[in-house]
Amino acid sequence: MEKLVPKTIAEYIAAFPEATQKKLPAMQALIQENAPDAVETISYAIPTFKLNGKMLVHFAAFKNHIGFYALPTGNIAFEKEFSVYKTGKGSVQFPLDQDLPQDLIARVVRFRVKEVLEHPAYKR
């Protein structure tokens, strides 16, 4: 049976249990607040934000955590701060039973915005 891919972030959020649904809009809002010009989309079947056509950040819900993907550069730049969380290649896991680290997420998103807007590799 084929798994349905959500078309919007709202559809993505609605597919999760109520406890998880409460955390996901907070993550979405944090990204929106710190990247107001970013465009919301679904990419790789997860919520994605793009800026100037370039990937900015992704997030995804799992049974026990929210995965946050700031692409390799964001993860490298915030490696020390992310060290208190479980991490993987290009990802950090924020446990569902803890508050989201709002300040950290905001700083990572602003870092990625600056990178996309200023770095020659990301310029159009």
PDB file of N, CA and C in Angstrom:
ATOM      1  N   MET A   1       0.839  -1.176   0.000  1.00  0.00           N
ATOM      2  CA  MET A   1       0.000   0.000   0.000  1.00  0.00           C
ATOM      3  C   MET A   1       0.885   1.240   0.000  1.00  0.00           C
ATOM      4  N   GLU A   2       0.541   2.209  -0.808  1.00  0.00           N
ATOM      5  CA  GLU A   2       1.325   3.426  -0.946  1.00  0.00           C
ATOM      6  C   GLU A   2       1.018   4.403   0.187  1.00  0.00           C
ATOM      7  N   LYS A   3       2.079   4.965   0.762  1.00  0.00           N
ATOM      8  CA  LYS A   3       1.926   5.947   1.838  1.00  0.00           C
ATOM      9  C   LYS A   3       1.618   7.311   1.217  1.00  0.00           C
ATOM     10  N   LEU A   4       0.620   7.988   1.765  1.00  0.00           N
ATOM     11  CA  LEU A   4       0.252   9.298   1.250  1.00  0.00           C
ATOM     12  C   LEU A   4       1.226  10.362   1.748  1.00  0.00           C
ATOM     13  N   VAL A   5       1.701  11.184   0.844  1.00  0.00           N
ATOM     14  CA  VAL A   5       2.603  12.271   1.196  1.00  0.00           C
ATOM     15  C   VAL A   5       1.762  13.529   1.381  1.00  0.00           C
ATOM     16  N   PRO A   6       1.906  14.213   2.527  1.00  0.00           N
ATOM     17  CA  PRO A   6       1.116  15.423   2.742  1.00  0.00           C
ATOM     18  C   PRO A   6       1.497  16.507   1.730  1.00  0.00           C
ATOM     19  N   LYS A   7       0.537  17.349   1.421  1.00  0.00           N
ATOM     20  CA  LYS A   7       0.780  18.443   0.482  1.00  0.00           C
ATOM     21  C   LYS A   7       1.133  19.745   1.201  1.00  0.00           C
ATOM     22  N   THR A   8       0.767  19.844   2.477  1.00  0.00           N
ATOM     23  CA  THR A   8       1.033  21.055   3.248  1.00  0.00           C
ATOM     24  C   THR A   8       1.565  20.669   4.623  1.00  0.00           C
ATOM     25  N   ILE A   9       2.142  21.640   5.305  1.00  0.00           N
ATOM     26  CA  ILE A   9       2.616  21.385   6.661  1.00  0.00           C
ATOM     27  C   ILE A   9       1.430  21.095   7.583  1.00  0.00           C
ATOM     28  N   ALA A  10       0.315  21.760   7.371  1.00  0.00           N
ATOM     29  CA  ALA A  10      -0.881  21.495   8.186  1.00  0.00           C
ATOM     30  C   ALA A  10      -1.326  20.042   8.036  1.00  0.00           C
ATOM     31  N   GLU A  11      -1.321  19.518   6.819  1.00  0.00           N
ATOM     32  CA  GLU A  11      -1.669  18.105   6.596  1.00  0.00           C
ATOM     33  C   GLU A  11      -0.670  17.192   7.291  1.00  0.00           C
ATOM     34  N   TYR A  12       0.593  17.554   7.234  1.00  0.00           N
ATOM     35  CA  TYR A  12       1.636  16.764   7.894  1.00  0.00           C
ATOM     36  C   TYR A  12       1.366  16.695   9.395  1.00  0.00           C
ATOM     37  N   ILE A  13       1.134  17.838  10.004  1.00  0.00           N
ATOM     38  CA  ILE A  13       0.896  17.911  11.449  1.00  0.00           C
ATOM     39  C   ILE A  13      -0.334  17.099  11.842  1.00  0.00           C
ATOM     40  N   ALA A  14      -1.395  17.195  11.050  1.00  0.00           N
ATOM     41  CA  ALA A  14      -2.654  16.519  11.367  1.00  0.00           C
ATOM     42  C   ALA A  14      -2.533  14.994  11.395  1.00  0.00           C
ATOM     43  N   ALA A  15      -1.498  14.460  10.800  1.00  0.00           N
ATOM     44  CA  ALA A  15      -1.333  13.008  10.734  1.00  0.00           C
ATOM     45  C   ALA A  15      -0.737  12.411  12.010  1.00  0.00           C
ATOM     46  N   PHE A  16      -0.378  13.244  12.985  1.00  0.00           N
ATOM     47  CA  PHE A  16       0.287  12.749  14.195  1.00  0.00           C
ATOM     48  C   PHE A  16      -0.636  12.766  15.402  1.00  0.00           C
ATOM     49  N   PRO A  17      -0.275  11.992  16.436  1.00  0.00           N
ATOM     50  CA  PRO A  17      -1.068  11.997  17.669  1.00  0.00           C
ATOM     51  C   PRO A  17      -1.122  13.403  18.278  1.00  0.00           C
ATOM     52  N   GLU A  18      -2.146  13.631  19.075  1.00  0.00           N
ATOM     53  CA  GLU A  18      -2.400  14.953  19.650  1.00  0.00           C
ATOM     54  C   GLU A  18      -1.185  15.530  20.382  1.00  0.00           C
ATOM     55  N   ALA A  19      -0.499  14.723  21.168  1.00  0.00           N
ATOM     56  CA  ALA A  19       0.663  15.220  21.922  1.00  0.00           C
ATOM     57  C   ALA A  19       1.746  15.739  20.986  1.00  0.00           C
ATOM     58  N   THR A  20       1.957  15.057  19.891  1.00  0.00           N
ATOM     59  CA  THR A  20       2.957  15.485  18.913  1.00  0.00           C
ATOM     60  C   THR A  20       2.473  16.717  18.169  1.00  0.00           C
ATOM     61  N   GLN A  21       1.174  16.746  17.854  1.00  0.00           N
ATOM     62  CA  GLN A  21       0.603  17.894  17.147  1.00  0.00           C
ATOM     63  C   GLN A  21       0.803  19.190  17.909  1.00  0.00           C
ATOM     64  N   LYS A  22       0.871  19.129  19.214  1.00  0.00           N
ATOM     65  CA  LYS A  22       1.050  20.350  20.011  1.00  0.00           C
ATOM     66  C   LYS A  22       2.444  20.939  19.843  1.00  0.00           C
ATOM     67  N   LYS A  23       3.438  20.119  19.597  1.00  0.00           N
ATOM     68  CA  LYS A  23       4.821  20.584  19.457  1.00  0.00           C
ATOM     69  C   LYS A  23       5.133  21.104  18.056  1.00  0.00           C
ATOM     70  N   LEU A  24       4.555  20.486  17.049  1.00  0.00           N
ATOM     71  CA  LEU A  24       4.918  20.814  15.672  1.00  0.00           C
ATOM     72  C   LEU A  24       4.586  22.249  15.269  1.00  0.00           C
ATOM     73  N   PRO A  25       3.423  22.800  15.632  1.00  0.00           N
ATOM     74  CA  PRO A  25       3.162  24.195  15.280  1.00  0.00           C
ATOM     75  C   PRO A  25       4.151  25.167  15.937  1.00  0.00           C
ATOM     76  N   ALA A  26       4.646  24.816  17.110  1.00  0.00           N
ATOM     77  CA  ALA A  26       5.643  25.668  17.769  1.00  0.00           C
ATOM     78  C   ALA A  26       6.936  25.694  16.957  1.00  0.00           C
ATOM     79  N   MET A  27       7.325  24.544  16.456  1.00  0.00           N
ATOM     80  CA  MET A  27       8.519  24.484  15.605  1.00  0.00           C
ATOM     81  C   MET A  27       8.293  25.293  14.327  1.00  0.00           C
ATOM     82  N   GLN A  28       7.146  25.116  13.724  1.00  0.00           N
ATOM     83  CA  GLN A  28       6.803  25.843  12.504  1.00  0.00           C
ATOM     84  C   GLN A  28       6.827  27.351  12.760  1.00  0.00           C
ATOM     85  N   ALA A  29       6.235  27.792  13.852  1.00  0.00           N
ATOM     86  CA  ALA A  29       6.177  29.219  14.175  1.00  0.00           C
ATOM     87  C   ALA A  29       7.569  29.797  14.428  1.00  0.00           C
ATOM     88  N   LEU A  30       8.413  29.060  15.114  1.00  0.00           N
ATOM     89  CA  LEU A  30       9.790  29.518  15.363  1.00  0.00           C
ATOM     90  C   LEU A  30      10.530  29.761  14.057  1.00  0.00           C
ATOM     91  N   ILE A  31      10.366  28.858  13.138  1.00  0.00           N
ATOM     92  CA  ILE A  31      11.033  29.003  11.843  1.00  0.00           C
ATOM     93  C   ILE A  31      10.457  30.194  11.093  1.00  0.00           C
ATOM     94  N   GLN A  32       9.129  30.316  11.078  1.00  0.00           N
ATOM     95  CA  GLN A  32       8.482  31.440  10.390  1.00  0.00           C
ATOM     96  C   GLN A  32       8.938  32.787  10.962  1.00  0.00           C
ATOM     97  N   GLU A  33       9.002  32.876  12.285  1.00  0.00           N
ATOM     98  CA  GLU A  33       9.394  34.127  12.946  1.00  0.00           C
ATOM     99  C   GLU A  33      10.818  34.536  12.607  1.00  0.00           C
ATOM    100  N   ASN A  34      11.686  33.567  12.448  1.00  0.00           N
ATOM    101  CA  ASN A  34      13.100  33.861  12.227  1.00  0.00           C
ATOM    102  C   ASN A  34      13.517  33.807  10.764  1.00  0.00           C
ATOM    103  N   ALA A  35      12.604  33.408   9.918  1.00  0.00           N
ATOM    104  CA  ALA A  35      12.827  33.402   8.470  1.00  0.00           C
ATOM    105  C   ALA A  35      11.530  33.815   7.791  1.00  0.00           C
ATOM    106  N   PRO A  36      11.094  35.063   8.026  1.00  0.00           N
ATOM    107  CA  PRO A  36       9.776  35.481   7.525  1.00  0.00           C
ATOM    108  C   PRO A  36       9.622  35.449   6.005  1.00  0.00           C
ATOM    109  N   ASP A  37      10.729  35.478   5.271  1.00  0.00           N
ATOM    110  CA  ASP A  37      10.643  35.434   3.811  1.00  0.00           C
ATOM    111  C   ASP A  37      10.741  34.020   3.252  1.00  0.00           C
ATOM    112  N   ALA A  38      10.913  33.052   4.136  1.00  0.00           N
ATOM    113  CA  ALA A  38      11.020  31.666   3.680  1.00  0.00           C
ATOM    114  C   ALA A  38       9.663  31.147   3.219  1.00  0.00           C
ATOM    115  N   VAL A  39       9.706  30.218   2.300  1.00  0.00           N
ATOM    116  CA  VAL A  39       8.511  29.601   1.739  1.00  0.00           C
ATOM    117  C   VAL A  39       8.358  28.208   2.341  1.00  0.00           C
ATOM    118  N   GLU A  40       7.152  27.915   2.825  1.00  0.00           N
ATOM    119  CA  GLU A  40       6.861  26.590   3.383  1.00  0.00           C
ATOM    120  C   GLU A  40       6.509  25.632   2.261  1.00  0.00           C
ATOM    121  N   THR A  41       7.020  24.417   2.387  1.00  0.00           N
ATOM    122  CA  THR A  41       6.705  23.382   1.412  1.00  0.00           C
ATOM    123  C   THR A  41       6.886  22.020   2.073  1.00  0.00           C
ATOM    124  N   ILE A  42       6.633  20.994   1.329  1.00  0.00           N
ATOM    125  CA  ILE A  42       6.931  19.632   1.759  1.00  0.00           C
ATOM    126  C   ILE A  42       7.994  19.116   0.804  1.00  0.00           C
ATOM    127  N   SER A  43       9.090  18.639   1.352  1.00  0.00           N
ATOM    128  CA  SER A  43      10.161  18.063   0.550  1.00  0.00           C
ATOM    129  C   SER A  43      10.661  16.830   1.295  1.00  0.00           C
ATOM    130  N   TYR A  44      10.920  15.767   0.574  1.00  0.00           N
ATOM    131  CA  TYR A  44      11.287  14.492   1.203  1.00  0.00           C
ATOM    132  C   TYR A  44      10.185  14.044   2.170  1.00  0.00           C
ATOM    133  N   ALA A  45       8.952  14.439   1.894  1.00  0.00           N
ATOM    134  CA  ALA A  45       7.760  14.095   2.670  1.00  0.00           C
ATOM    135  C   ALA A  45       7.742  14.708   4.071  1.00  0.00           C
ATOM    136  N   ILE A  46       8.560  15.757   4.302  1.00  0.00           N
ATOM    137  CA  ILE A  46       8.580  16.425   5.605  1.00  0.00           C
ATOM    138  C   ILE A  46       8.497  17.944   5.424  1.00  0.00           C
ATOM    139  N   PRO A  47       8.072  18.664   6.476  1.00  0.00           N
ATOM    140  CA  PRO A  47       8.018  20.126   6.396  1.00  0.00           C
ATOM    141  C   PRO A  47       9.395  20.720   6.103  1.00  0.00           C
ATOM    142  N   THR A  48       9.395  21.621   5.136  1.00  0.00           N
ATOM    143  CA  THR A  48      10.628  22.226   4.649  1.00  0.00           C
ATOM    144  C   THR A  48      10.405  23.719   4.453  1.00  0.00           C
ATOM    145  N   PHE A  49      11.435  24.472   4.723  1.00  0.00           N
ATOM    146  CA  PHE A  49      11.413  25.905   4.460  1.00  0.00           C
ATOM    147  C   PHE A  49      12.522  26.212   3.475  1.00  0.00           C
ATOM    148  N   LYS A  50      12.178  26.987   2.444  1.00  0.00           N
ATOM    149  CA  LYS A  50      13.141  27.387   1.421  1.00  0.00           C
ATOM    150  C   LYS A  50      13.243  28.903   1.397  1.00  0.00           C
ATOM    151  N   LEU A  51      14.413  29.377   1.060  1.00  0.00           N
ATOM    152  CA  LEU A  51      14.650  30.809   0.924  1.00  0.00           C
ATOM    153  C   LEU A  51      15.396  31.031  -0.386  1.00  0.00           C
ATOM    154  N   ASN A  52      14.866  31.894  -1.220  1.00  0.00           N
ATOM    155  CA  ASN A  52      15.447  32.141  -2.547  1.00  0.00           C
ATOM    156  C   ASN A  52      15.632  30.845  -3.329  1.00  0.00           C
ATOM    157  N   GLY A  53      14.694  29.928  -3.151  1.00  0.00           N
ATOM    158  CA  GLY A  53      14.746  28.659  -3.868  1.00  0.00           C
ATOM    159  C   GLY A  53      15.717  27.647  -3.290  1.00  0.00           C
ATOM    160  N   LYS A  54      16.389  27.998  -2.206  1.00  0.00           N
ATOM    161  CA  LYS A  54      17.384  27.108  -1.578  1.00  0.00           C
ATOM    162  C   LYS A  54      16.820  26.533  -0.289  1.00  0.00           C
ATOM    163  N   MET A  55      17.175  25.292   0.006  1.00  0.00           N
ATOM    164  CA  MET A  55      16.749  24.663   1.255  1.00  0.00           C
ATOM    165  C   MET A  55      17.299  25.446   2.435  1.00  0.00           C
ATOM    166  N   LEU A  56      16.447  25.706   3.395  1.00  0.00           N
ATOM    167  CA  LEU A  56      16.854  26.422   4.602  1.00  0.00           C
ATOM    168  C   LEU A  56      16.922  25.429   5.757  1.00  0.00           C
ATOM    169  N   VAL A  57      15.780  24.895   6.175  1.00  0.00           N
ATOM    170  CA  VAL A  57      15.709  23.882   7.236  1.00  0.00           C
ATOM    171  C   VAL A  57      14.514  22.970   6.976  1.00  0.00           C
ATOM    172  N   HIS A  58      14.574  21.798   7.603  1.00  0.00           N
ATOM    173  CA  HIS A  58      13.475  20.830   7.595  1.00  0.00           C
ATOM    174  C   HIS A  58      13.191  20.451   9.048  1.00  0.00           C
ATOM    175  N   PHE A  59      11.998  19.928   9.292  1.00  0.00           N
ATOM    176  CA  PHE A  59      11.733  19.268  10.570  1.00  0.00           C
ATOM    177  C   PHE A  59      10.806  18.092  10.328  1.00  0.00           C
ATOM    178  N   ALA A  60      10.823  17.152  11.264  1.00  0.00           N
ATOM    179  CA  ALA A  60      10.003  15.949  11.108  1.00  0.00           C
ATOM    180  C   ALA A  60       9.669  15.383  12.476  1.00  0.00           C
ATOM    181  N   ALA A  61       8.502  14.795  12.584  1.00  0.00           N
ATOM    182  CA  ALA A  61       8.071  14.194  13.844  1.00  0.00           C
ATOM    183  C   ALA A  61       8.309  12.697  13.827  1.00  0.00           C
ATOM    184  N   PHE A  62       8.682  12.196  14.989  1.00  0.00           N
ATOM    185  CA  PHE A  62       8.887  10.768  15.190  1.00  0.00           C
ATOM    186  C   PHE A  62       8.210  10.375  16.492  1.00  0.00           C
ATOM    187  N   LYS A  63       8.269   9.127  16.847  1.00  0.00           N
ATOM    188  CA  LYS A  63       7.577   8.632  18.038  1.00  0.00           C
ATOM    189  C   LYS A  63       7.990   9.364  19.304  1.00  0.00           C
ATOM    190  N   ASN A  64       9.290   9.620  19.468  1.00  0.00           N
ATOM    191  CA  ASN A  64       9.782  10.205  20.713  1.00  0.00           C
ATOM    192  C   ASN A  64      10.507  11.540  20.558  1.00  0.00           C
ATOM    193  N   HIS A  65      10.587  12.044  19.339  1.00  0.00           N
ATOM    194  CA  HIS A  65      11.324  13.296  19.147  1.00  0.00           C
ATOM    195  C   HIS A  65      10.867  14.037  17.896  1.00  0.00           C
ATOM    196  N   ILE A  66      11.331  15.287  17.826  1.00  0.00           N
ATOM    197  CA  ILE A  66      11.198  16.065  16.597  1.00  0.00           C
ATOM    198  C   ILE A  66      12.594  16.197  16.023  1.00  0.00           C
ATOM    199  N   GLY A  67      12.748  15.771  14.791  1.00  0.00           N
ATOM    200  CA  GLY A  67      14.027  15.907  14.115  1.00  0.00           C
ATOM    201  C   GLY A  67      14.109  17.284  13.486  1.00  0.00           C
ATOM    202  N   PHE A  68      15.276  17.891  13.590  1.00  0.00           N
ATOM    203  CA  PHE A  68      15.517  19.217  13.025  1.00  0.00           C
ATOM    204  C   PHE A  68      16.746  19.108  12.131  1.00  0.00           C
ATOM    205  N   TYR A  69      16.608  19.579  10.912  1.00  0.00           N
ATOM    206  CA  TYR A  69      17.642  19.424   9.905  1.00  0.00           C
ATOM    207  C   TYR A  69      18.028  20.796   9.383  1.00  0.00           C
ATOM    208  N   ALA A  70      19.178  21.263   9.807  1.00  0.00           N
ATOM    209  CA  ALA A  70      19.665  22.579   9.392  1.00  0.00           C
ATOM    210  C   ALA A  70      20.738  22.417   8.326  1.00  0.00           C
ATOM    211  N   LEU A  71      20.629  21.343   7.599  1.00  0.00           N
ATOM    212  CA  LEU A  71      21.610  21.003   6.580  1.00  0.00           C
ATOM    213  C   LEU A  71      22.994  20.934   7.220  1.00  0.00           C
ATOM    214  N   PRO A  72      23.952  20.407   6.601  1.00  0.00           N
ATOM    215  CA  PRO A  72      25.222  20.186   7.296  1.00  0.00           C
ATOM    216  C   PRO A  72      25.838  21.435   7.930  1.00  0.00           C
ATOM    217  N   THR A  73      25.729  22.577   7.285  1.00  0.00           N
ATOM    218  CA  THR A  73      26.404  23.767   7.815  1.00  0.00           C
ATOM    219  C   THR A  73      25.830  24.218   9.150  1.00  0.00           C
ATOM    220  N   GLY A  74      24.515  24.179   9.288  1.00  0.00           N
ATOM    221  CA  GLY A  74      23.900  24.565  10.559  1.00  0.00           C
ATOM    222  C   GLY A  74      24.260  23.600  11.669  1.00  0.00           C
ATOM    223  N   ASN A  75      24.304  22.335  11.344  1.00  0.00           N
ATOM    224  CA  ASN A  75      24.661  21.337  12.351  1.00  0.00           C
ATOM    225  C   ASN A  75      26.116  21.474  12.772  1.00  0.00           C
ATOM    226  N   ILE A  76      26.979  21.784  11.844  1.00  0.00           N
ATOM    227  CA  ILE A  76      28.395  21.961  12.166  1.00  0.00           C
ATOM    228  C   ILE A  76      28.588  23.222  13.007  1.00  0.00           C
ATOM    229  N   ALA A  77      27.950  24.314  12.615  1.00  0.00           N
ATOM    230  CA  ALA A  77      28.114  25.581  13.329  1.00  0.00           C
ATOM    231  C   ALA A  77      27.603  25.520  14.765  1.00  0.00           C
ATOM    232  N   PHE A  78      26.609  24.689  15.022  1.00  0.00           N
ATOM    233  CA  PHE A  78      26.007  24.603  16.353  1.00  0.00           C
ATOM    234  C   PHE A  78      26.300  23.259  17.020  1.00  0.00           C
ATOM    235  N   GLU A  79      27.371  22.635  16.610  1.00  0.00           N
ATOM    236  CA  GLU A  79      27.736  21.309  17.118  1.00  0.00           C
ATOM    237  C   GLU A  79      27.827  21.277  18.645  1.00  0.00           C
ATOM    238  N   LYS A  80      28.423  22.292  19.236  1.00  0.00           N
ATOM    239  CA  LYS A  80      28.572  22.320  20.697  1.00  0.00           C
ATOM    240  C   LYS A  80      27.207  22.376  21.380  1.00  0.00           C
ATOM    241  N   GLU A  81      26.323  23.271  20.905  1.00  0.00           N
ATOM    242  CA  GLU A  81      24.995  23.401  21.493  1.00  0.00           C
ATOM    243  C   GLU A  81      24.148  22.151  21.267  1.00  0.00           C
ATOM    244  N   PHE A  82      24.333  21.501  20.119  1.00  0.00           N
ATOM    245  CA  PHE A  82      23.578  20.295  19.807  1.00  0.00           C
ATOM    246  C   PHE A  82      24.087  19.074  20.578  1.00  0.00           C
ATOM    247  N   SER A  83      25.257  19.173  21.188  1.00  0.00           N
ATOM    248  CA  SER A  83      25.870  18.013  21.838  1.00  0.00           C
ATOM    249  C   SER A  83      25.047  17.470  23.006  1.00  0.00           C
ATOM    250  N   VAL A  84      24.132  18.245  23.538  1.00  0.00           N
ATOM    251  CA  VAL A  84      23.287  17.763  24.639  1.00  0.00           C
ATOM    252  C   VAL A  84      22.096  16.950  24.130  1.00  0.00           C
ATOM    253  N   TYR A  85      21.957  16.874  22.808  1.00  0.00           N
ATOM    254  CA  TYR A  85      20.879  16.116  22.180  1.00  0.00           C
ATOM    255  C   TYR A  85      21.469  14.975  21.366  1.00  0.00           C
ATOM    256  N   LYS A  86      20.637  14.009  21.071  1.00  0.00           N
ATOM    257  CA  LYS A  86      21.049  12.949  20.154  1.00  0.00           C
ATOM    258  C   LYS A  86      21.128  13.565  18.762  1.00  0.00           C
ATOM    259  N   THR A  87      22.199  13.287  18.064  1.00  0.00           N
ATOM    260  CA  THR A  87      22.380  13.839  16.725  1.00  0.00           C
ATOM    261  C   THR A  87      22.695  12.720  15.745  1.00  0.00           C
ATOM    262  N   GLY A  88      22.505  13.023  14.500  1.00  0.00           N
ATOM    263  CA  GLY A  88      22.860  12.121  13.416  1.00  0.00           C
ATOM    264  C   GLY A  88      23.488  12.957  12.327  1.00  0.00           C
ATOM    265  N   LYS A  89      23.790  12.355  11.231  1.00  0.00           N
ATOM    266  CA  LYS A  89      24.380  13.098  10.122  1.00  0.00           C
ATOM    267  C   LYS A  89      23.367  14.124   9.616  1.00  0.00           C
ATOM    268  N   GLY A  90      23.617  15.379   9.918  1.00  0.00           N
ATOM    269  CA  GLY A  90      22.739  16.446   9.453  1.00  0.00           C
ATOM    270  C   GLY A  90      21.465  16.636  10.253  1.00  0.00           C
ATOM    271  N   SER A  91      21.359  15.995  11.429  1.00  0.00           N
ATOM    272  CA  SER A  91      20.118  16.121  12.195  1.00  0.00           C
ATOM    273  C   SER A  91      20.390  16.238  13.688  1.00  0.00           C
ATOM    274  N   VAL A  92      19.404  16.771  14.370  1.00  0.00           N
ATOM    275  CA  VAL A  92      19.401  16.804  15.831  1.00  0.00           C
ATOM    276  C   VAL A  92      18.005  16.396  16.268  1.00  0.00           C
ATOM    277  N   GLN A  93      17.921  15.697  17.399  1.00  0.00           N
ATOM    278  CA  GLN A  93      16.637  15.197  17.882  1.00  0.00           C
ATOM    279  C   GLN A  93      16.245  15.918  19.165  1.00  0.00           C
ATOM    280  N   PHE A  94      15.103  16.600  19.134  1.00  0.00           N
ATOM    281  CA  PHE A  94      14.564  17.263  20.316  1.00  0.00           C
ATOM    282  C   PHE A  94      13.477  16.366  20.899  1.00  0.00           C
ATOM    283  N   PRO A  95      13.710  15.812  22.101  1.00  0.00           N
ATOM    284  CA  PRO A  95      12.744  14.877  22.696  1.00  0.00           C
ATOM    285  C   PRO A  95      11.367  15.511  22.885  1.00  0.00           C
ATOM    286  N   LEU A  96      10.338  14.741  22.612  1.00  0.00           N
ATOM    287  CA  LEU A  96       8.966  15.236  22.761  1.00  0.00           C
ATOM    288  C   LEU A  96       8.603  15.519  24.215  1.00  0.00           C
ATOM    289  N   ASP A  97       9.287  14.874  25.151  1.00  0.00           N
ATOM    290  CA  ASP A  97       8.956  15.087  26.561  1.00  0.00           C
ATOM    291  C   ASP A  97       9.709  16.268  27.178  1.00  0.00           C
ATOM    292  N   GLN A  98      10.381  17.059  26.346  1.00  0.00           N
ATOM    293  CA  GLN A  98      11.068  18.266  26.793  1.00  0.00           C
ATOM    294  C   GLN A  98      10.575  19.458  25.979  1.00  0.00           C
ATOM    295  N   ASP A  99      10.717  20.652  26.551  1.00  0.00           N
ATOM    296  CA  ASP A  99      10.387  21.857  25.806  1.00  0.00           C
ATOM    297  C   ASP A  99      11.357  22.021  24.636  1.00  0.00           C
ATOM    298  N   LEU A 100      10.866  22.585  23.556  1.00  0.00           N
ATOM    299  CA  LEU A 100      11.750  22.881  22.439  1.00  0.00           C
ATOM    300  C   LEU A 100      12.747  23.951  22.865  1.00  0.00           C
ATOM    301  N   PRO A 101      14.002  23.829  22.469  1.00  0.00           N
ATOM    302  CA  PRO A 101      14.997  24.860  22.785  1.00  0.00           C
ATOM    303  C   PRO A 101      14.815  26.052  21.833  1.00  0.00           C
ATOM    304  N   GLN A 102      13.839  26.881  22.145  1.00  0.00           N
ATOM    305  CA  GLN A 102      13.422  27.942  21.228  1.00  0.00           C
ATOM    306  C   GLN A 102      14.556  28.883  20.828  1.00  0.00           C
ATOM    307  N   ASP A 103      15.347  29.312  21.792  1.00  0.00           N
ATOM    308  CA  ASP A 103      16.439  30.230  21.477  1.00  0.00           C
ATOM    309  C   ASP A 103      17.436  29.577  20.520  1.00  0.00           C
ATOM    310  N   LEU A 104      17.764  28.334  20.779  1.00  0.00           N
ATOM    311  CA  LEU A 104      18.710  27.619  19.921  1.00  0.00           C
ATOM    312  C   LEU A 104      18.154  27.461  18.510  1.00  0.00           C
ATOM    313  N   ILE A 105      16.923  27.047  18.394  1.00  0.00           N
ATOM    314  CA  ILE A 105      16.311  26.882  17.071  1.00  0.00           C
ATOM    315  C   ILE A 105      16.290  28.211  16.329  1.00  0.00           C
ATOM    316  N   ALA A 106      15.921  29.285  17.024  1.00  0.00           N
ATOM    317  CA  ALA A 106      15.885  30.613  16.405  1.00  0.00           C
ATOM    318  C   ALA A 106      17.265  31.016  15.890  1.00  0.00           C
ATOM    319  N   ARG A 107      18.290  30.791  16.691  1.00  0.00           N
ATOM    320  CA  ARG A 107      19.653  31.152  16.272  1.00  0.00           C
ATOM    321  C   ARG A 107      20.108  30.335  15.074  1.00  0.00           C
ATOM    322  N   VAL A 108      19.759  29.061  15.046  1.00  0.00           N
ATOM    323  CA  VAL A 108      20.134  28.207  13.913  1.00  0.00           C
ATOM    324  C   VAL A 108      19.425  28.681  12.642  1.00  0.00           C
ATOM    325  N   VAL A 109      18.157  28.985  12.750  1.00  0.00           N
ATOM    326  CA  VAL A 109      17.411  29.449  11.574  1.00  0.00           C
ATOM    327  C   VAL A 109      17.991  30.766  11.068  1.00  0.00           C
ATOM    328  N   ARG A 110      18.277  31.695  11.973  1.00  0.00           N
ATOM    329  CA  ARG A 110      18.874  32.977  11.543  1.00  0.00           C
ATOM    330  C   ARG A 110      20.241  32.762  10.897  1.00  0.00           C
ATOM    331  N   PHE A 111      21.019  31.827  11.428  1.00  0.00           N
ATOM    332  CA  PHE A 111      22.309  31.478  10.831  1.00  0.00           C
ATOM    333  C   PHE A 111      22.116  31.012   9.390  1.00  0.00           C
ATOM    334  N   ARG A 112      21.149  30.117   9.194  1.00  0.00           N
ATOM    335  CA  ARG A 112      20.906  29.594   7.844  1.00  0.00           C
ATOM    336  C   ARG A 112      20.395  30.683   6.905  1.00  0.00           C
ATOM    337  N   VAL A 113      19.541  31.585   7.408  1.00  0.00           N
ATOM    338  CA  VAL A 113      19.057  32.693   6.575  1.00  0.00           C
ATOM    339  C   VAL A 113      20.242  33.531   6.110  1.00  0.00           C
ATOM    340  N   LYS A 114      21.093  33.904   7.046  1.00  0.00           N
ATOM    341  CA  LYS A 114      22.262  34.716   6.701  1.00  0.00           C
ATOM    342  C   LYS A 114      23.135  33.987   5.693  1.00  0.00           C
ATOM    343  N   GLU A 115      23.325  32.705   5.905  1.00  0.00           N
ATOM    344  CA  GLU A 115      24.151  31.918   4.999  1.00  0.00           C
ATOM    345  C   GLU A 115      23.566  31.907   3.586  1.00  0.00           C
ATOM    346  N   VAL A 116      22.285  31.663   3.482  1.00  0.00           N
ATOM    347  CA  VAL A 116      21.655  31.612   2.161  1.00  0.00           C
ATOM    348  C   VAL A 116      21.708  32.980   1.472  1.00  0.00           C
ATOM    349  N   LEU A 117      21.510  34.043   2.243  1.00  0.00           N
ATOM    350  CA  LEU A 117      21.492  35.377   1.646  1.00  0.00           C
ATOM    351  C   LEU A 117      22.877  35.906   1.298  1.00  0.00           C
ATOM    352  N   GLU A 118      23.906  35.471   2.032  1.00  0.00           N
ATOM    353  CA  GLU A 118      25.230  36.060   1.851  1.00  0.00           C
ATOM    354  C   GLU A 118      26.271  35.152   1.211  1.00  0.00           C
ATOM    355  N   HIS A 119      26.139  33.864   1.341  1.00  0.00           N
ATOM    356  CA  HIS A 119      27.184  32.959   0.861  1.00  0.00           C
ATOM    357  C   HIS A 119      27.128  32.819  -0.663  1.00  0.00           C
ATOM    358  N   PRO A 120      28.256  32.991  -1.336  1.00  0.00           N
ATOM    359  CA  PRO A 120      28.252  32.908  -2.809  1.00  0.00           C
ATOM    360  C   PRO A 120      27.697  31.604  -3.357  1.00  0.00           C
ATOM    361  N   ALA A 121      27.916  30.499  -2.664  1.00  0.00           N
ATOM    362  CA  ALA A 121      27.426  29.208  -3.158  1.00  0.00           C
ATOM    363  C   ALA A 121      25.904  29.148  -3.191  1.00  0.00           C
ATOM    364  N   TYR A 122      25.243  29.985  -2.390  1.00  0.00           N
ATOM    365  CA  TYR A 122      23.786  29.965  -2.335  1.00  0.00           C
ATOM    366  C   TYR A 122      23.143  31.066  -3.159  1.00  0.00           C
ATOM    367  N   LYS A 123      23.940  31.973  -3.670  1.00  0.00           N
ATOM    368  CA  LYS A 123      23.365  33.082  -4.449  1.00  0.00           C
ATOM    369  C   LYS A 123      22.817  32.558  -5.751  1.00  0.00           C
ATOM    370  N   ARG A 124      21.778  33.215  -6.224  1.00  0.00           N
ATOM    371  CA  ARG A 124      21.159  32.840  -7.511  1.00  0.00           C
ATOM    372  C   ARG A 124      22.050  33.249  -8.648  1.00  0.00           C
TER     373      ARG A 124
END
